[in-house]
Amino acid sequence: MDDSDTTLLGVVAAAATVVAVVAADESRKRKRRQMWVRPMFQCRQEVGAYNMLMAELRSDDVDMYEGFIRMSPEHFDELLDLLRDDITKSSRWRMPVSAEIRLAVTLRFLATGE
């Protein structure tokens, strides 16, 4: 192998490295977000599980409410009053999940592990 072959191999290796780096960089670029909130979640205030299920359980079937989150409605309200400032989120861009829903989901998870 002479010097020209060695030089050619070096150039090919350098080109292959550049192509690999550019390809890796392209794959890391973030995709442009198509939507902020999926349409099915935009109406969660009216038809979401918390607003429908928890309100009905709270008013019509307190025993099932207590079985669902392992807490009476009164204790839930007391705990919510204590934690509201710590678990409330705010956003200029979209409606955040309310403190009531955050607490209910957490309690349900702790009650069932699911």
PDB file of N, CA and C in Angstrom:
ATOM      1  N   MET A   1       0.841  -1.164   0.000  1.00  0.00           N
ATOM      2  CA  MET A   1       0.000   0.000   0.000  1.00  0.00           C
ATOM      3  C   MET A   1       0.892   1.233   0.000  1.00  0.00           C
ATOM      4  N   ASP A   2       0.641   2.134  -0.933  1.00  0.00           N
ATOM      5  CA  ASP A   2       1.474   3.342  -0.987  1.00  0.00           C
ATOM      6  C   ASP A   2       0.779   4.491  -0.264  1.00  0.00           C
ATOM      7  N   ASP A   3       1.429   5.649  -0.282  1.00  0.00           N
ATOM      8  CA  ASP A   3       0.928   6.818   0.453  1.00  0.00           C
ATOM      9  C   ASP A   3      -0.416   7.295  -0.075  1.00  0.00           C
ATOM     10  N   SER A   4      -0.649   7.192  -1.367  1.00  0.00           N
ATOM     11  CA  SER A   4      -1.926   7.665  -1.924  1.00  0.00           C
ATOM     12  C   SER A   4      -3.085   6.788  -1.452  1.00  0.00           C
ATOM     13  N   ASP A   5      -2.842   5.470  -1.321  1.00  0.00           N
ATOM     14  CA  ASP A   5      -3.887   4.584  -0.815  1.00  0.00           C
ATOM     15  C   ASP A   5      -4.184   4.869   0.655  1.00  0.00           C
ATOM     16  N   THR A   6      -3.152   5.125   1.422  1.00  0.00           N
ATOM     17  CA  THR A   6      -3.317   5.439   2.835  1.00  0.00           C
ATOM     18  C   THR A   6      -4.085   6.745   3.004  1.00  0.00           C
ATOM     19  N   THR A   7      -3.761   7.723   2.192  1.00  0.00           N
ATOM     20  CA  THR A   7      -4.445   9.014   2.238  1.00  0.00           C
ATOM     21  C   THR A   7      -5.906   8.853   1.850  1.00  0.00           C
ATOM     22  N   LEU A   8      -6.162   8.055   0.814  1.00  0.00           N
ATOM     23  CA  LEU A   8      -7.523   7.815   0.360  1.00  0.00           C
ATOM     24  C   LEU A   8      -8.333   7.109   1.455  1.00  0.00           C
ATOM     25  N   LEU A   9      -7.748   6.120   2.118  1.00  0.00           N
ATOM     26  CA  LEU A   9      -8.433   5.439   3.215  1.00  0.00           C
ATOM     27  C   LEU A   9      -8.725   6.403   4.367  1.00  0.00           C
ATOM     28  N   GLY A  10      -7.814   7.292   4.653  1.00  0.00           N
ATOM     29  CA  GLY A  10      -8.024   8.285   5.707  1.00  0.00           C
ATOM     30  C   GLY A  10      -9.177   9.219   5.372  1.00  0.00           C
ATOM     31  N   VAL A  11      -9.237   9.644   4.102  1.00  0.00           N
ATOM     32  CA  VAL A  11     -10.309  10.542   3.671  1.00  0.00           C
ATOM     33  C   VAL A  11     -11.656   9.821   3.738  1.00  0.00           C
ATOM     34  N   VAL A  12     -11.701   8.568   3.300  1.00  0.00           N
ATOM     35  CA  VAL A  12     -12.945   7.789   3.342  1.00  0.00           C
ATOM     36  C   VAL A  12     -13.386   7.580   4.791  1.00  0.00           C
ATOM     37  N   ALA A  13     -12.454   7.275   5.676  1.00  0.00           N
ATOM     38  CA  ALA A  13     -12.785   7.077   7.089  1.00  0.00           C
ATOM     39  C   ALA A  13     -13.317   8.370   7.708  1.00  0.00           C
ATOM     40  N   ALA A  14     -12.692   9.501   7.355  1.00  0.00           N
ATOM     41  CA  ALA A  14     -13.146  10.789   7.873  1.00  0.00           C
ATOM     42  C   ALA A  14     -14.548  11.110   7.353  1.00  0.00           C
ATOM     43  N   ALA A  15     -14.796  10.840   6.075  1.00  0.00           N
ATOM     44  CA  ALA A  15     -16.115  11.094   5.486  1.00  0.00           C
ATOM     45  C   ALA A  15     -17.176  10.220   6.150  1.00  0.00           C
ATOM     46  N   ALA A  16     -16.843   8.956   6.393  1.00  0.00           N
ATOM     47  CA  ALA A  16     -17.785   8.048   7.042  1.00  0.00           C
ATOM     48  C   ALA A  16     -18.105   8.523   8.456  1.00  0.00           C
ATOM     49  N   THR A  17     -17.110   9.034   9.150  1.00  0.00           N
ATOM     50  CA  THR A  17     -17.321   9.551  10.501  1.00  0.00           C
ATOM     51  C   THR A  17     -18.247  10.766  10.476  1.00  0.00           C
ATOM     52  N   VAL A  18     -18.032  11.662   9.520  1.00  0.00           N
ATOM     53  CA  VAL A  18     -18.879  12.857   9.393  1.00  0.00           C
ATOM     54  C   VAL A  18     -20.316  12.446   9.097  1.00  0.00           C
ATOM     55  N   VAL A  19     -20.511  11.492   8.200  1.00  0.00           N
ATOM     56  CA  VAL A  19     -21.856  11.032   7.867  1.00  0.00           C
ATOM     57  C   VAL A  19     -22.533  10.430   9.098  1.00  0.00           C
ATOM     58  N   ALA A  20     -21.813   9.645   9.868  1.00  0.00           N
ATOM     59  CA  ALA A  20     -22.374   9.022  11.066  1.00  0.00           C
ATOM     60  C   ALA A  20     -22.761  10.077  12.101  1.00  0.00           C
ATOM     61  N   VAL A  21     -21.920  11.084  12.293  1.00  0.00           N
ATOM     62  CA  VAL A  21     -22.207  12.146  13.268  1.00  0.00           C
ATOM     63  C   VAL A  21     -23.428  12.948  12.843  1.00  0.00           C
ATOM     64  N   VAL A  22     -23.511  13.284  11.562  1.00  0.00           N
ATOM     65  CA  VAL A  22     -24.653  14.053  11.063  1.00  0.00           C
ATOM     66  C   VAL A  22     -25.934  13.237  11.195  1.00  0.00           C
ATOM     67  N   ALA A  23     -25.884  11.966  10.872  1.00  0.00           N
ATOM     68  CA  ALA A  23     -27.063  11.108  10.984  1.00  0.00           C
ATOM     69  C   ALA A  23     -27.510  10.993  12.441  1.00  0.00           C
ATOM     70  N   ALA A  24     -26.574  10.853  13.361  1.00  0.00           N
ATOM     71  CA  ALA A  24     -26.920  10.770  14.781  1.00  0.00           C
ATOM     72  C   ALA A  24     -27.529  12.072  15.267  1.00  0.00           C
ATOM     73  N   ASP A  25     -27.003  13.189  14.799  1.00  0.00           N
ATOM     74  CA  ASP A  25     -27.531  14.489  15.191  1.00  0.00           C
ATOM     75  C   ASP A  25     -28.949  14.682  14.655  1.00  0.00           C
ATOM     76  N   GLU A  26     -29.209  14.251  13.452  1.00  0.00           N
ATOM     77  CA  GLU A  26     -30.537  14.366  12.863  1.00  0.00           C
ATOM     78  C   GLU A  26     -31.552  13.533  13.631  1.00  0.00           C
ATOM     79  N   SER A  27     -31.143  12.357  14.088  1.00  0.00           N
ATOM     80  CA  SER A  27     -32.082  11.481  14.797  1.00  0.00           C
ATOM     81  C   SER A  27     -32.420  12.019  16.180  1.00  0.00           C
ATOM     82  N   ARG A  28     -31.573  12.880  16.736  1.00  0.00           N
ATOM     83  CA  ARG A  28     -31.825  13.441  18.061  1.00  0.00           C
ATOM     84  C   ARG A  28     -32.728  14.656  18.029  1.00  0.00           C
ATOM     85  N   LYS A  29     -32.954  15.223  16.868  1.00  0.00           N
ATOM     86  CA  LYS A  29     -33.803  16.406  16.796  1.00  0.00           C
ATOM     87  C   LYS A  29     -35.218  16.046  17.210  1.00  0.00           C
ATOM     88  N   ARG A  30     -35.851  16.939  17.957  1.00  0.00           N
ATOM     89  CA  ARG A  30     -37.206  16.698  18.429  1.00  0.00           C
ATOM     90  C   ARG A  30     -38.200  16.870  17.293  1.00  0.00           C
ATOM     91  N   LYS A  31     -39.206  16.042  17.316  1.00  0.00           N
ATOM     92  CA  LYS A  31     -40.290  16.203  16.365  1.00  0.00           C
ATOM     93  C   LYS A  31     -41.137  17.377  16.811  1.00  0.00           C
ATOM     94  N   ARG A  32     -41.665  18.083  15.871  1.00  0.00           N
ATOM     95  CA  ARG A  32     -42.554  19.193  16.201  1.00  0.00           C
ATOM     96  C   ARG A  32     -43.853  18.625  16.772  1.00  0.00           C
ATOM     97  N   ARG A  33     -44.265  19.156  17.895  1.00  0.00           N
ATOM     98  CA  ARG A  33     -45.460  18.678  18.572  1.00  0.00           C
ATOM     99  C   ARG A  33     -46.678  18.985  17.710  1.00  0.00           C
ATOM    100  N   GLN A  34     -47.528  17.995  17.519  1.00  0.00           N
ATOM    101  CA  GLN A  34     -48.695  18.178  16.679  1.00  0.00           C
ATOM    102  C   GLN A  34     -49.823  18.885  17.414  1.00  0.00           C
ATOM    103  N   MET A  35     -49.939  18.653  18.719  1.00  0.00           N
ATOM    104  CA  MET A  35     -51.008  19.270  19.496  1.00  0.00           C
ATOM    105  C   MET A  35     -50.574  19.376  20.951  1.00  0.00           C
ATOM    106  N   TRP A  36     -51.116  20.342  21.654  1.00  0.00           N
ATOM    107  CA  TRP A  36     -50.806  20.505  23.071  1.00  0.00           C
ATOM    108  C   TRP A  36     -51.580  19.503  23.905  1.00  0.00           C
ATOM    109  N   VAL A  37     -52.865  19.401  23.650  1.00  0.00           N
ATOM    110  CA  VAL A  37     -53.737  18.506  24.401  1.00  0.00           C
ATOM    111  C   VAL A  37     -54.563  17.732  23.388  1.00  0.00           C
ATOM    112  N   ARG A  38     -54.615  16.447  23.557  1.00  0.00           N
ATOM    113  CA  ARG A  38     -55.417  15.632  22.643  1.00  0.00           C
ATOM    114  C   ARG A  38     -56.885  16.034  22.765  1.00  0.00           C
ATOM    115  N   PRO A  39     -57.612  16.022  21.665  1.00  0.00           N
ATOM    116  CA  PRO A  39     -59.016  16.448  21.695  1.00  0.00           C
ATOM    117  C   PRO A  39     -59.862  15.694  22.722  1.00  0.00           C
ATOM    118  N   MET A  40     -59.575  14.410  22.917  1.00  0.00           N
ATOM    119  CA  MET A  40     -60.380  13.649  23.881  1.00  0.00           C
ATOM    120  C   MET A  40     -60.181  14.133  25.317  1.00  0.00           C
ATOM    121  N   PHE A  41     -59.070  14.809  25.593  1.00  0.00           N
ATOM    122  CA  PHE A  41     -58.822  15.304  26.943  1.00  0.00           C
ATOM    123  C   PHE A  41     -59.243  16.764  27.120  1.00  0.00           C
ATOM    124  N   GLN A  42     -59.599  17.443  26.052  1.00  0.00           N
ATOM    125  CA  GLN A  42     -59.996  18.843  26.163  1.00  0.00           C
ATOM    126  C   GLN A  42     -61.317  19.016  26.888  1.00  0.00           C
ATOM    127  N   CYS A  43     -62.151  18.000  26.881  1.00  0.00           N
ATOM    128  CA  CYS A  43     -63.458  18.108  27.533  1.00  0.00           C
ATOM    129  C   CYS A  43     -63.494  17.376  28.866  1.00  0.00           C
ATOM    130  N   ARG A  44     -62.333  17.177  29.485  1.00  0.00           N
ATOM    131  CA  ARG A  44     -62.305  16.420  30.731  1.00  0.00           C
ATOM    132  C   ARG A  44     -63.033  17.136  31.864  1.00  0.00           C
ATOM    133  N   GLN A  45     -63.167  18.458  31.794  1.00  0.00           N
ATOM    134  CA  GLN A  45     -63.896  19.184  32.836  1.00  0.00           C
ATOM    135  C   GLN A  45     -65.370  18.804  32.850  1.00  0.00           C
ATOM    136  N   GLU A  46     -65.927  18.496  31.674  1.00  0.00           N
ATOM    137  CA  GLU A  46     -67.348  18.162  31.589  1.00  0.00           C
ATOM    138  C   GLU A  46     -67.606  16.663  31.716  1.00  0.00           C
ATOM    139  N   VAL A  47     -66.763  15.848  31.099  1.00  0.00           N
ATOM    140  CA  VAL A  47     -67.060  14.416  31.026  1.00  0.00           C
ATOM    141  C   VAL A  47     -65.919  13.543  31.541  1.00  0.00           C
ATOM    142  N   GLY A  48     -64.980  14.105  32.251  1.00  0.00           N
ATOM    143  CA  GLY A  48     -63.865  13.321  32.773  1.00  0.00           C
ATOM    144  C   GLY A  48     -64.303  12.386  33.886  1.00  0.00           C
ATOM    145  N   ALA A  49     -63.516  11.368  34.136  1.00  0.00           N
ATOM    146  CA  ALA A  49     -63.865  10.357  35.139  1.00  0.00           C
ATOM    147  C   ALA A  49     -64.021  10.980  36.526  1.00  0.00           C
ATOM    148  N   TYR A  50     -63.134  11.909  36.873  1.00  0.00           N
ATOM    149  CA  TYR A  50     -63.231  12.506  38.207  1.00  0.00           C
ATOM    150  C   TYR A  50     -64.534  13.280  38.349  1.00  0.00           C
ATOM    151  N   ASN A  51     -64.818  14.131  37.395  1.00  0.00           N
ATOM    152  CA  ASN A  51     -65.994  14.993  37.501  1.00  0.00           C
ATOM    153  C   ASN A  51     -67.295  14.193  37.443  1.00  0.00           C
ATOM    154  N   MET A  52     -67.302  13.107  36.712  1.00  0.00           N
ATOM    155  CA  MET A  52     -68.519  12.307  36.610  1.00  0.00           C
ATOM    156  C   MET A  52     -68.621  11.305  37.772  1.00  0.00           C
ATOM    157  N   LEU A  53     -67.598  10.476  37.926  1.00  0.00           N
ATOM    158  CA  LEU A  53     -67.651   9.384  38.889  1.00  0.00           C
ATOM    159  C   LEU A  53     -67.582   9.884  40.328  1.00  0.00           C
ATOM    160  N   MET A  54     -66.597  10.690  40.636  1.00  0.00           N
ATOM    161  CA  MET A  54     -66.406  11.111  42.020  1.00  0.00           C
ATOM    162  C   MET A  54     -67.583  11.948  42.522  1.00  0.00           C
ATOM    163  N   ALA A  55     -68.134  12.800  41.679  1.00  0.00           N
ATOM    164  CA  ALA A  55     -69.274  13.615  42.097  1.00  0.00           C
ATOM    165  C   ALA A  55     -70.483  12.740  42.384  1.00  0.00           C
ATOM    166  N   GLU A  56     -70.706  11.750  41.533  1.00  0.00           N
ATOM    167  CA  GLU A  56     -71.853  10.857  41.757  1.00  0.00           C
ATOM    168  C   GLU A  56     -71.646   9.986  42.987  1.00  0.00           C
ATOM    169  N   LEU A  57     -70.469   9.434  43.154  1.00  0.00           N
ATOM    170  CA  LEU A  57     -70.203   8.620  44.345  1.00  0.00           C
ATOM    171  C   LEU A  57     -70.336   9.455  45.612  1.00  0.00           C
ATOM    172  N   ARG A  58     -69.843  10.653  45.568  1.00  0.00           N
ATOM    173  CA  ARG A  58     -69.861  11.526  46.744  1.00  0.00           C
ATOM    174  C   ARG A  58     -71.286  11.862  47.172  1.00  0.00           C
ATOM    175  N   SER A  59     -72.162  12.084  46.200  1.00  0.00           N
ATOM    176  CA  SER A  59     -73.521  12.489  46.552  1.00  0.00           C
ATOM    177  C   SER A  59     -74.476  11.304  46.734  1.00  0.00           C
ATOM    178  N   ASP A  60     -74.284  10.217  45.971  1.00  0.00           N
ATOM    179  CA  ASP A  60     -75.261   9.128  45.983  1.00  0.00           C
ATOM    180  C   ASP A  60     -74.819   7.886  46.750  1.00  0.00           C
ATOM    181  N   ASP A  61     -73.530   7.589  46.770  1.00  0.00           N
ATOM    182  CA  ASP A  61     -73.077   6.325  47.356  1.00  0.00           C
ATOM    183  C   ASP A  61     -71.766   6.556  48.124  1.00  0.00           C
ATOM    184  N   VAL A  62     -71.899   7.080  49.325  1.00  0.00           N
ATOM    185  CA  VAL A  62     -70.743   7.437  50.136  1.00  0.00           C
ATOM    186  C   VAL A  62     -69.916   6.206  50.494  1.00  0.00           C
ATOM    187  N   ASP A  63     -70.577   5.061  50.712  1.00  0.00           N
ATOM    188  CA  ASP A  63     -69.832   3.835  51.036  1.00  0.00           C
ATOM    189  C   ASP A  63     -68.909   3.432  49.893  1.00  0.00           C
ATOM    190  N   MET A  64     -69.397   3.530  48.663  1.00  0.00           N
ATOM    191  CA  MET A  64     -68.551   3.185  47.520  1.00  0.00           C
ATOM    192  C   MET A  64     -67.442   4.231  47.340  1.00  0.00           C
ATOM    193  N   TYR A  65     -67.738   5.484  47.629  1.00  0.00           N
ATOM    194  CA  TYR A  65     -66.724   6.544  47.584  1.00  0.00           C
ATOM    195  C   TYR A  65     -65.589   6.201  48.544  1.00  0.00           C
ATOM    196  N   GLU A  66     -65.947   5.821  49.763  1.00  0.00           N
ATOM    197  CA  GLU A  66     -64.932   5.460  50.759  1.00  0.00           C
ATOM    198  C   GLU A  66     -64.156   4.220  50.342  1.00  0.00           C
ATOM    199  N   GLY A  67     -64.817   3.277  49.691  1.00  0.00           N
ATOM    200  CA  GLY A  67     -64.120   2.097  49.191  1.00  0.00           C
ATOM    201  C   GLY A  67     -63.216   2.412  48.011  1.00  0.00           C
ATOM    202  N   PHE A  68     -63.590   3.427  47.242  1.00  0.00           N
ATOM    203  CA  PHE A  68     -62.833   3.787  46.049  1.00  0.00           C
ATOM    204  C   PHE A  68     -61.509   4.450  46.389  1.00  0.00           C
ATOM    205  N   ILE A  69     -61.530   5.403  47.329  1.00  0.00           N
ATOM    206  CA  ILE A  69     -60.280   6.087  47.700  1.00  0.00           C
ATOM    207  C   ILE A  69     -59.891   5.877  49.160  1.00  0.00           C
ATOM    208  N   ARG A  70     -60.632   5.012  49.853  1.00  0.00           N
ATOM    209  CA  ARG A  70     -60.333   4.645  51.241  1.00  0.00           C
ATOM    210  C   ARG A  70     -60.356   5.846  52.187  1.00  0.00           C
ATOM    211  N   MET A  71     -61.325   6.741  51.934  1.00  0.00           N
ATOM    212  CA  MET A  71     -61.405   7.943  52.747  1.00  0.00           C
ATOM    213  C   MET A  71     -62.808   8.529  52.608  1.00  0.00           C
ATOM    214  N   SER A  72     -63.319   9.088  53.674  1.00  0.00           N
ATOM    215  CA  SER A  72     -64.640   9.727  53.610  1.00  0.00           C
ATOM    216  C   SER A  72     -64.520  11.059  52.865  1.00  0.00           C
ATOM    217  N   PRO A  73     -65.637  11.555  52.328  1.00  0.00           N
ATOM    218  CA  PRO A  73     -65.589  12.849  51.643  1.00  0.00           C
ATOM    219  C   PRO A  73     -65.104  13.986  52.553  1.00  0.00           C
ATOM    220  N   GLU A  74     -65.471  13.911  53.830  1.00  0.00           N
ATOM    221  CA  GLU A  74     -65.046  14.954  54.764  1.00  0.00           C
ATOM    222  C   GLU A  74     -63.522  14.924  54.965  1.00  0.00           C
ATOM    223  N   HIS A  75     -62.969  13.725  55.118  1.00  0.00           N
ATOM    224  CA  HIS A  75     -61.520  13.613  55.284  1.00  0.00           C
ATOM    225  C   HIS A  75     -60.790  14.018  53.993  1.00  0.00           C
ATOM    226  N   PHE A  76     -61.373  13.685  52.855  1.00  0.00           N
ATOM    227  CA  PHE A  76     -60.793  14.101  51.583  1.00  0.00           C
ATOM    228  C   PHE A  76     -60.717  15.624  51.517  1.00  0.00           C
ATOM    229  N   ASP A  77     -61.796  16.301  51.897  1.00  0.00           N
ATOM    230  CA  ASP A  77     -61.816  17.767  51.869  1.00  0.00           C
ATOM    231  C   ASP A  77     -60.789  18.358  52.835  1.00  0.00           C
ATOM    232  N   GLU A  78     -60.660  17.769  54.014  1.00  0.00           N
ATOM    233  CA  GLU A  78     -59.668  18.249  54.986  1.00  0.00           C
ATOM    234  C   GLU A  78     -58.249  18.093  54.441  1.00  0.00           C
ATOM    235  N   LEU A  79     -57.964  16.918  53.881  1.00  0.00           N
ATOM    236  CA  LEU A  79     -56.637  16.664  53.322  1.00  0.00           C
ATOM    237  C   LEU A  79     -56.365  17.589  52.139  1.00  0.00           C
ATOM    238  N   LEU A  80     -57.372  17.817  51.325  1.00  0.00           N
ATOM    239  CA  LEU A  80     -57.228  18.724  50.186  1.00  0.00           C
ATOM    240  C   LEU A  80     -56.924  20.146  50.653  1.00  0.00           C
ATOM    241  N   ASP A  81     -57.591  20.591  51.698  1.00  0.00           N
ATOM    242  CA  ASP A  81     -57.313  21.930  52.238  1.00  0.00           C
ATOM    243  C   ASP A  81     -55.867  22.055  52.706  1.00  0.00           C
ATOM    244  N   LEU A  82     -55.338  20.981  53.306  1.00  0.00           N
ATOM    245  CA  LEU A  82     -53.955  21.007  53.782  1.00  0.00           C
ATOM    246  C   LEU A  82     -52.940  21.005  52.630  1.00  0.00           C
ATOM    247  N   LEU A  83     -53.255  20.281  51.564  1.00  0.00           N
ATOM    248  CA  LEU A  83     -52.287  20.079  50.479  1.00  0.00           C
ATOM    249  C   LEU A  83     -52.486  20.967  49.254  1.00  0.00           C
ATOM    250  N   ARG A  84     -53.594  21.664  49.170  1.00  0.00           N
ATOM    251  CA  ARG A  84     -53.958  22.387  47.945  1.00  0.00           C
ATOM    252  C   ARG A  84     -52.828  23.280  47.420  1.00  0.00           C
ATOM    253  N   ASP A  85     -52.211  24.061  48.266  1.00  0.00           N
ATOM    254  CA  ASP A  85     -51.155  24.969  47.807  1.00  0.00           C
ATOM    255  C   ASP A  85     -49.926  24.224  47.284  1.00  0.00           C
ATOM    256  N   ASP A  86     -49.649  23.062  47.845  1.00  0.00           N
ATOM    257  CA  ASP A  86     -48.468  22.294  47.438  1.00  0.00           C
ATOM    258  C   ASP A  86     -48.665  21.516  46.142  1.00  0.00           C
ATOM    259  N   ILE A  87     -49.906  21.157  45.825  1.00  0.00           N
ATOM    260  CA  ILE A  87     -50.123  20.328  44.638  1.00  0.00           C
ATOM    261  C   ILE A  87     -50.820  21.063  43.499  1.00  0.00           C
ATOM    262  N   THR A  88     -51.093  22.351  43.672  1.00  0.00           N
ATOM    263  CA  THR A  88     -51.724  23.131  42.602  1.00  0.00           C
ATOM    264  C   THR A  88     -50.669  23.582  41.614  1.00  0.00           C
ATOM    265  N   LYS A  89     -50.958  23.394  40.349  1.00  0.00           N
ATOM    266  CA  LYS A  89     -50.071  23.818  39.265  1.00  0.00           C
ATOM    267  C   LYS A  89     -50.730  24.966  38.521  1.00  0.00           C
ATOM    268  N   SER A  90     -49.917  25.763  37.839  1.00  0.00           N
ATOM    269  CA  SER A  90     -50.472  26.824  37.003  1.00  0.00           C
ATOM    270  C   SER A  90     -49.726  26.833  35.685  1.00  0.00           C
ATOM    271  N   SER A  91     -50.414  27.229  34.657  1.00  0.00           N
ATOM    272  CA  SER A  91     -49.827  27.269  33.324  1.00  0.00           C
ATOM    273  C   SER A  91     -50.503  28.358  32.514  1.00  0.00           C
ATOM    274  N   ARG A  92     -49.703  29.077  31.763  1.00  0.00           N
ATOM    275  CA  ARG A  92     -50.262  30.093  30.871  1.00  0.00           C
ATOM    276  C   ARG A  92     -50.758  29.461  29.580  1.00  0.00           C
ATOM    277  N   TRP A  93     -50.317  28.263  29.278  1.00  0.00           N
ATOM    278  CA  TRP A  93     -50.558  27.684  27.959  1.00  0.00           C
ATOM    279  C   TRP A  93     -51.762  26.765  27.896  1.00  0.00           C
ATOM    280  N   ARG A  94     -51.999  26.007  28.943  1.00  0.00           N
ATOM    281  CA  ARG A  94     -53.115  25.071  28.910  1.00  0.00           C
ATOM    282  C   ARG A  94     -53.641  24.848  30.318  1.00  0.00           C
ATOM    283  N   MET A  95     -54.836  24.289  30.403  1.00  0.00           N
ATOM    284  CA  MET A  95     -55.484  24.066  31.695  1.00  0.00           C
ATOM    285  C   MET A  95     -54.778  22.922  32.435  1.00  0.00           C
ATOM    286  N   PRO A  96     -54.225  23.194  33.605  1.00  0.00           N
ATOM    287  CA  PRO A  96     -53.544  22.121  34.354  1.00  0.00           C
ATOM    288  C   PRO A  96     -54.556  21.209  35.039  1.00  0.00           C
ATOM    289  N   VAL A  97     -54.091  20.066  35.452  1.00  0.00           N
ATOM    290  CA  VAL A  97     -54.922  19.130  36.210  1.00  0.00           C
ATOM    291  C   VAL A  97     -55.151  19.734  37.594  1.00  0.00           C
ATOM    292  N   SER A  98     -56.388  19.730  38.046  1.00  0.00           N
ATOM    293  CA  SER A  98     -56.725  20.394  39.307  1.00  0.00           C
ATOM    294  C   SER A  98     -56.148  19.645  40.506  1.00  0.00           C
ATOM    295  N   ALA A  99     -56.073  20.353  41.622  1.00  0.00           N
ATOM    296  CA  ALA A  99     -55.563  19.759  42.857  1.00  0.00           C
ATOM    297  C   ALA A  99     -56.465  18.619  43.326  1.00  0.00           C
ATOM    298  N   GLU A 100     -57.782  18.755  43.128  1.00  0.00           N
ATOM    299  CA  GLU A 100     -58.716  17.701  43.521  1.00  0.00           C
ATOM    300  C   GLU A 100     -58.433  16.410  42.770  1.00  0.00           C
ATOM    301  N   ILE A 101     -58.203  16.536  41.469  1.00  0.00           N
ATOM    302  CA  ILE A 101     -57.933  15.349  40.655  1.00  0.00           C
ATOM    303  C   ILE A 101     -56.586  14.749  41.029  1.00  0.00           C
ATOM    304  N   ARG A 102     -55.585  15.591  41.242  1.00  0.00           N
ATOM    305  CA  ARG A 102     -54.265  15.089  41.639  1.00  0.00           C
ATOM    306  C   ARG A 102     -54.360  14.274  42.930  1.00  0.00           C
ATOM    307  N   LEU A 103     -55.065  14.801  43.904  1.00  0.00           N
ATOM    308  CA  LEU A 103     -55.202  14.099  45.174  1.00  0.00           C
ATOM    309  C   LEU A 103     -56.005  12.819  45.015  1.00  0.00           C
ATOM    310  N   ALA A 104     -57.105  12.871  44.277  1.00  0.00           N
ATOM    311  CA  ALA A 104     -57.940  11.678  44.085  1.00  0.00           C
ATOM    312  C   ALA A 104     -57.171  10.572  43.370  1.00  0.00           C
ATOM    313  N   VAL A 105     -56.413  10.926  42.346  1.00  0.00           N
ATOM    314  CA  VAL A 105     -55.637   9.925  41.615  1.00  0.00           C
ATOM    315  C   VAL A 105     -54.563   9.328  42.518  1.00  0.00           C
ATOM    316  N   THR A 106     -53.917  10.154  43.305  1.00  0.00           N
ATOM    317  CA  THR A 106     -52.887   9.668  44.233  1.00  0.00           C
ATOM    318  C   THR A 106     -53.478   8.721  45.266  1.00  0.00           C
ATOM    319  N   LEU A 107     -54.611   9.114  45.843  1.00  0.00           N
ATOM    320  CA  LEU A 107     -55.249   8.262  46.850  1.00  0.00           C
ATOM    321  C   LEU A 107     -55.723   6.940  46.235  1.00  0.00           C
ATOM    322  N   ARG A 108     -56.260   6.994  45.023  1.00  0.00           N
ATOM    323  CA  ARG A 108     -56.696   5.775  44.351  1.00  0.00           C
ATOM    324  C   ARG A 108     -55.511   4.858  44.084  1.00  0.00           C
ATOM    325  N   PHE A 109     -54.400   5.438  43.660  1.00  0.00           N
ATOM    326  CA  PHE A 109     -53.194   4.637  43.423  1.00  0.00           C
ATOM    327  C   PHE A 109     -52.713   3.998  44.726  1.00  0.00           C
ATOM    328  N   LEU A 110     -52.683   4.780  45.796  1.00  0.00           N
ATOM    329  CA  LEU A 110     -52.226   4.244  47.077  1.00  0.00           C
ATOM    330  C   LEU A 110     -53.194   3.187  47.627  1.00  0.00           C
ATOM    331  N   ALA A 111     -54.482   3.342  47.308  1.00  0.00           N
ATOM    332  CA  ALA A 111     -55.472   2.383  47.783  1.00  0.00           C
ATOM    333  C   ALA A 111     -55.388   1.043  47.054  1.00  0.00           C
ATOM    334  N   THR A 112     -55.038   1.089  45.759  1.00  0.00           N
ATOM    335  CA  THR A 112     -55.092  -0.137  44.965  1.00  0.00           C
ATOM    336  C   THR A 112     -53.742  -0.578  44.423  1.00  0.00           C
ATOM    337  N   GLY A 113     -52.798   0.333  44.303  1.00  0.00           N
ATOM    338  CA  GLY A 113     -51.513   0.009  43.698  1.00  0.00           C
ATOM    339  C   GLY A 113     -51.576  -0.005  42.190  1.00  0.00           C
ATOM    340  N   GLU A 114     -52.679   0.446  41.610  1.00  0.00           N
ATOM    341  CA  GLU A 114     -52.835   0.477  40.152  1.00  0.00           C
ATOM    342  C   GLU A 114     -53.011   1.875  39.664  1.00  0.00           C
TER     343      GLU A 114
END
